[in-house]
Structures are given as structure tokens and as C-alpha cells.
């Protein structure tokens, strides 16, 4: 108990020394001397004012440096934006640019959304941006894969988009993920099979014209989102659904079960089931034979030539809704959808 008062007194003395109210005596060593509060506190205020001025100078210098760096960054960004092709490296940079372009979009935003069902994170993340576009009067058109009808949550999200005033359609497959902003900028993955590695931002008028025309062609042949049952049962004159036609074309080109499933945005098991059913209907013993027989019956437009390209109709490579065959991203498409 005795030690406690001593500690309090010692603490009080230390505080007085810090404030300059006492100092060691010059006349009597070992003792302290009280200093006039006016003198002590004026000295304390002077030290604090000096420290404050130094801090203000530091802040002012930092502000100048920030302004310089901001100007350099803006100049670099401006130079890059004037380039017809800009490379975006990594998901962070891709997401940043998509966010910037979406916020600056004034007239229209159109996109291919391959990969099948959309994850809950993707759906929730897209809602604020979609509502912002609606509030600004931007026309939004999206094309999904027919396979979204295997996932009720994605179908519900697509219907929500329609109720919000957007246009949504589906096709059997899509060539790659693509977003076009106001017909003036387009983002596509550098590698459709690994879009997390980066993307390309195109601004050239020629490229944008071609990509916009590709979207228009696919859009005209895509089916509006209605009911899941209608999409599953809708067939052509040969009794084929759009997915079955896509599978036949891919079989004729020698794609594996995994490749077919990835293009359609379905599981490998589902892809195999569709393939087995078609082979049975065609009486084919191999996948390639099924593709040839389907072409002979007029179920598909053409079969691949020696180089892997359709002999009769090269336009099929640019028209997914018509030819139902190209290489579309699976997991890569979903990663870019997180942007």
C-alpha cells in the first residue's frame, strides 16, 4: 500500500518534468526547481507549434506528390484508352475496367454470357449494376446458353432481368464471353479457356462493327426467355432441339465428351446422355459416324473437311445459333462473369 502513493507522486513529477514545470536545481544537486508556468507552458506551446508546422509541411508535400501521380496516371490511362486494343491483365484489372465502362455506358450494353448457369455471387453482384443501367435508360440485351434452364435460380434471374426491362435470349452455345458498351468498346477474354489470365479491350471501329454484327446475327436467331418446358421441348422439322443439333455438329468435328459439355454449358454426364440418345436414333456406332449420318440426313449444314473446317458453309463458324458449333468457354466464362 505504501508503494502506490510513491508511484503516483513519481508519475506526477514525471509529468511536470515533461511539461517543463520543474527542472533539476542548478544550485542544489539532487533537488528540483519549480519553473514559472508562463515560461514552461510557452516553451511547450512553441514546441507543439513547431511540430504542427512540420506536419503541415509534410502534408502539403504529400498533396503535391499525390497530384503529380494522379496526373501521370490519368495521362497514361488516356494514352491507353486511345489505343484500339488494350490488354487487361488479371481479374482485378478486368473487373475495374468493366465497372468503369458500365458506369460510363449511356445507350446500350450487349453481351454473350456462356458457361451455363450463373453462380449466386455472379447474380447478386450484377444486380446493382443492372439497376443502375435501367435508371439511366441504357438498353441491355443478354444472350445466355439454353442450358440455363437446367438451373431454376438462373432462370429466375433471367426473368428478373426481363421484368426490369432488359431483353434476354438463349442459344445452344456461344463462341466466347463478350461485352459491348455503346458499340464503342468491347471486352473479350484473351484465352476463352482461361479468362482469368487476362482480357482484351477493343475500341477500333472496324473490330467493333464486326463484333456488333456477330451479336446481331446471334440475337436474331436466339429464343426469348419464356418457360423452361418450352425451351426443353422446342424442336425443328427433324425433331431436333438446338442442343441436339449443336451436339451433332460437334460430334462430326471430333470433339470429346468434355469438349461438348463445356460448349453447351452442361455436365459431362448430360452431354453423354444427349450423345447416346442421338447415336441410337441415327444407328451410329461411333460419334464421328453419327455426325456424318446427321449431315447425310440434312440434320446439320455440313461436316468438317480434312482441315477441320466445314466444307459447305464457313459462315457457321461465326453464327452459333445457325451452325451450333464453336469453342465456347466453360469455367473461364464463369470467371469473367465475376468481373
Foldseek 3Di string as FASTA:
>chain_A
DVVVVVVVVVVVVVVCVVLVQKDADPVDGPDIDGDPNVVSNVVVVVVVVVVVVVVVVVVVVVVVVVVVVVVVVVVVVVVQVPDQKHWAFFPVRLVVVVVVLLVVFQAEKEKEQEAAAADPLLLVVCVVSLLVCLVNVYAYEYEYALNNLVPVVRLVSLVVSVVSPYWYFYAQFDAEIKMAGPLAKMKTAPDLAASRRIIMIGGDNVVSVVVVVLRVLQVVLTGTRDHSVCQVQDADPVRDHRNLLLQLQVLLLPDDLVQSCFRRNHDSVVSVVSQVVQCVVQVHPGSNVSSVSCVVVVVAVAGADPVSAGPPDNCCASHCRRRSDHGGYHVNSNSSSSD
